[in-house]
Amino acid sequence: MPGSYAKVIVNPVAGSRSVGREWQRISRQLQKAGLSFDYEFTKGTGDAIEIAKRAADGGYQCLIAVGGDGTEDKEITSGYSEVTPKSGFCLIILTLFLPNHAGV
């Protein structure tokens, strides 16, 4: 439901699938912090950009990306220029695993 809600984009395969395994715990922590949100899991390349566009057009006030370095670097950050959010829209990126940057 848009309005004061945030849209959380979750890449469940990030971090060798650790984001998917830990999503319930992550979700509880976001709720504990008082965040009102709904979420969508990405299923493939380009999904995060499309979800972000729908969220911005749908009246969400905040977009939160939860994943690894690929979700943020290749999808959200580069695709943010395609999103046309309304005034006051915020973008939060939670990178939970950085295998490409850690040399793993």
C-alpha atoms as a PDB file:
ATOM      1  CA  MET A   1       0.000   0.000   0.000  1.00  0.00           C
ATOM      2  CA  PRO A   2       1.562   3.321  -1.070  1.00  0.00           C
ATOM      3  CA  GLY A   3       1.551   6.534   0.934  1.00  0.00           C
ATOM      4  CA  SER A   4       3.737   6.528   4.003  1.00  0.00           C
ATOM      5  CA  TYR A   5       4.947   3.085   3.059  1.00  0.00           C
ATOM      6  CA  ALA A   6       8.334   2.072   1.779  1.00  0.00           C
ATOM      7  CA  LYS A   7       8.864  -0.433  -1.002  1.00  0.00           C
ATOM      8  CA  VAL A   8      11.619  -2.913  -0.173  1.00  0.00           C
ATOM      9  CA  ILE A   9      13.265  -4.637  -3.134  1.00  0.00           C
ATOM     10  CA  VAL A  10      14.879  -7.892  -2.020  1.00  0.00           C
ATOM     11  CA  ASN A  11      17.413  -9.866  -4.041  1.00  0.00           C
ATOM     12  CA  PRO A  12      17.046 -13.297  -2.400  1.00  0.00           C
ATOM     13  CA  VAL A  13      20.014 -14.846  -4.224  1.00  0.00           C
ATOM     14  CA  ALA A  14      22.515 -12.192  -3.090  1.00  0.00           C
ATOM     15  CA  GLY A  15      25.352 -13.275  -0.859  1.00  0.00           C
ATOM     16  CA  SER A  16      25.181 -16.908  -1.962  1.00  0.00           C
ATOM     17  CA  ARG A  17      21.447 -16.829  -1.166  1.00  0.00           C
ATOM     18  CA  SER A  18      22.039 -15.555   2.379  1.00  0.00           C
ATOM     19  CA  VAL A  19      19.667 -12.616   1.834  1.00  0.00           C
ATOM     20  CA  GLY A  20      16.844 -15.024   1.023  1.00  0.00           C
ATOM     21  CA  ARG A  21      17.650 -17.191   4.024  1.00  0.00           C
ATOM     22  CA  GLU A  22      17.853 -14.178   6.331  1.00  0.00           C
ATOM     23  CA  TRP A  23      14.906 -12.205   4.915  1.00  0.00           C
ATOM     24  CA  GLN A  24      12.516 -13.014   7.793  1.00  0.00           C
ATOM     25  CA  ARG A  25      15.062 -11.741  10.326  1.00  0.00           C
ATOM     26  CA  ILE A  26      15.800  -8.642   8.221  1.00  0.00           C
ATOM     27  CA  SER A  27      12.072  -7.983   7.846  1.00  0.00           C
ATOM     28  CA  ARG A  28      11.519  -8.233  11.603  1.00  0.00           C
ATOM     29  CA  GLN A  29      14.347  -5.759  12.212  1.00  0.00           C
ATOM     30  CA  LEU A  30      12.828  -3.257   9.775  1.00  0.00           C
ATOM     31  CA  GLN A  31       9.446  -3.650  11.495  1.00  0.00           C
ATOM     32  CA  LYS A  32      11.078  -3.244  14.927  1.00  0.00           C
ATOM     33  CA  ALA A  33      12.574   0.017  13.683  1.00  0.00           C
ATOM     34  CA  GLY A  34       9.032   1.228  12.996  1.00  0.00           C
ATOM     35  CA  LEU A  35       9.163   1.058   9.210  1.00  0.00           C
ATOM     36  CA  SER A  36       5.901   0.477   7.350  1.00  0.00           C
ATOM     37  CA  PHE A  37       6.685  -1.390   4.152  1.00  0.00           C
ATOM     38  CA  ASP A  38       5.854  -4.059   1.688  1.00  0.00           C
ATOM     39  CA  TYR A  39       8.384  -5.961  -0.374  1.00  0.00           C
ATOM     40  CA  GLU A  40       9.035  -7.760  -3.619  1.00  0.00           C
ATOM     41  CA  PHE A  41      11.677 -10.330  -4.424  1.00  0.00           C
ATOM     42  CA  THR A  42      13.629  -9.944  -7.637  1.00  0.00           C
ATOM     43  CA  LYS A  43      13.640 -12.938  -9.948  1.00  0.00           C
ATOM     44  CA  GLY A  44      16.216 -11.883 -12.508  1.00  0.00           C
ATOM     45  CA  THR A  45      18.241  -9.149 -14.139  1.00  0.00           C
ATOM     46  CA  GLY A  46      16.339  -5.888 -14.527  1.00  0.00           C
ATOM     47  CA  ASP A  47      13.631  -6.726 -11.980  1.00  0.00           C
ATOM     48  CA  ALA A  48      14.914  -4.232  -9.405  1.00  0.00           C
ATOM     49  CA  ILE A  49      14.712  -1.377 -11.905  1.00  0.00           C
ATOM     50  CA  GLU A  50      11.136  -2.271 -12.886  1.00  0.00           C
ATOM     51  CA  ILE A  51      10.033  -2.601  -9.255  1.00  0.00           C
ATOM     52  CA  ALA A  52      11.652   0.763  -8.466  1.00  0.00           C
ATOM     53  CA  LYS A  53       9.813   2.429 -11.347  1.00  0.00           C
ATOM     54  CA  ARG A  54       6.461   1.021 -10.229  1.00  0.00           C
ATOM     55  CA  ALA A  55       7.117   2.093  -6.641  1.00  0.00           C
ATOM     56  CA  ALA A  56       8.034   5.655  -7.632  1.00  0.00           C
ATOM     57  CA  ASP A  57       5.010   5.928  -9.921  1.00  0.00           C
ATOM     58  CA  GLY A  58       2.767   4.279  -7.328  1.00  0.00           C
ATOM     59  CA  GLY A  59       3.273   6.872  -4.626  1.00  0.00           C
ATOM     60  CA  TYR A  60       5.732   5.155  -2.332  1.00  0.00           C
ATOM     61  CA  GLN A  61       7.790   7.618  -0.310  1.00  0.00           C
ATOM     62  CA  CYS A  62      10.873   5.479   0.140  1.00  0.00           C
ATOM     63  CA  LEU A  63      12.663   2.754  -1.772  1.00  0.00           C
ATOM     64  CA  ILE A  64      14.894   0.291   0.070  1.00  0.00           C
ATOM     65  CA  ALA A  65      17.122  -2.149  -1.812  1.00  0.00           C
ATOM     66  CA  VAL A  66      18.286  -5.222   0.106  1.00  0.00           C
ATOM     67  CA  GLY A  67      20.836  -7.406  -1.625  1.00  0.00           C
ATOM     68  CA  GLY A  68      24.447  -7.687  -2.544  1.00  0.00           C
ATOM     69  CA  ASP A  69      26.747  -5.505  -4.553  1.00  0.00           C
ATOM     70  CA  GLY A  70      25.192  -6.484  -7.895  1.00  0.00           C
ATOM     71  CA  THR A  71      21.679  -5.418  -6.878  1.00  0.00           C
ATOM     72  CA  GLU A  72      22.867  -1.978  -5.890  1.00  0.00           C
ATOM     73  CA  ASP A  73      25.755  -1.266  -8.263  1.00  0.00           C
ATOM     74  CA  LYS A  74      24.259  -2.665 -11.429  1.00  0.00           C
ATOM     75  CA  GLU A  75      20.534  -2.237 -10.896  1.00  0.00           C
ATOM     76  CA  ILE A  76      19.375   0.367  -8.407  1.00  0.00           C
ATOM     77  CA  THR A  77      22.190   2.904  -8.632  1.00  0.00           C
ATOM     78  CA  SER A  78      22.448   2.863 -12.416  1.00  0.00           C
ATOM     79  CA  GLY A  79      18.701   2.516 -12.881  1.00  0.00           C
ATOM     80  CA  TYR A  80      17.768   5.272 -10.439  1.00  0.00           C
ATOM     81  CA  SER A  81      18.106   7.791 -13.266  1.00  0.00           C
ATOM     82  CA  GLU A  82      15.172   6.027 -14.962  1.00  0.00           C
ATOM     83  CA  VAL A  83      12.962   6.482 -11.907  1.00  0.00           C
ATOM     84  CA  THR A  84      10.991   9.714 -11.630  1.00  0.00           C
ATOM     85  CA  PRO A  85      10.050   9.932  -7.941  1.00  0.00           C
ATOM     86  CA  LYS A  86       7.926  12.645  -6.431  1.00  0.00           C
ATOM     87  CA  SER A  87       9.436  15.265  -4.139  1.00  0.00           C
ATOM     88  CA  GLY A  88      10.652  13.868  -0.819  1.00  0.00           C
ATOM     89  CA  PHE A  89      11.327  10.363  -2.169  1.00  0.00           C
ATOM     90  CA  CYS A  90      14.222   8.597  -0.433  1.00  0.00           C
ATOM     91  CA  LEU A  91      16.517   5.797  -1.526  1.00  0.00           C
ATOM     92  CA  ILE A  92      18.159   3.486   1.017  1.00  0.00           C
ATOM     93  CA  ILE A  93      20.577   0.731   0.009  1.00  0.00           C
ATOM     94  CA  LEU A  94      21.340  -2.138   2.381  1.00  0.00           C
ATOM     95  CA  THR A  95      24.235  -4.127   0.988  1.00  0.00           C
ATOM     96  CA  LEU A  96      24.487  -7.236   3.095  1.00  0.00           C
ATOM     97  CA  PHE A  97      27.270  -9.061   1.292  1.00  0.00           C
ATOM     98  CA  LEU A  98      30.063  -7.807  -0.934  1.00  0.00           C
ATOM     99  CA  PRO A  99      31.742 -10.871  -2.453  1.00  0.00           C
ATOM    100  CA  ASN A 100      32.879  -9.014  -5.571  1.00  0.00           C
ATOM    101  CA  HIS A 101      34.507  -6.278  -3.513  1.00  0.00           C
ATOM    102  CA  ALA A 102      35.977  -8.700  -0.969  1.00  0.00           C
ATOM    103  CA  GLY A 103      37.676 -10.755  -3.674  1.00  0.00           C
ATOM    104  CA  VAL A 104      35.658 -13.881  -2.830  1.00  0.00           C
END
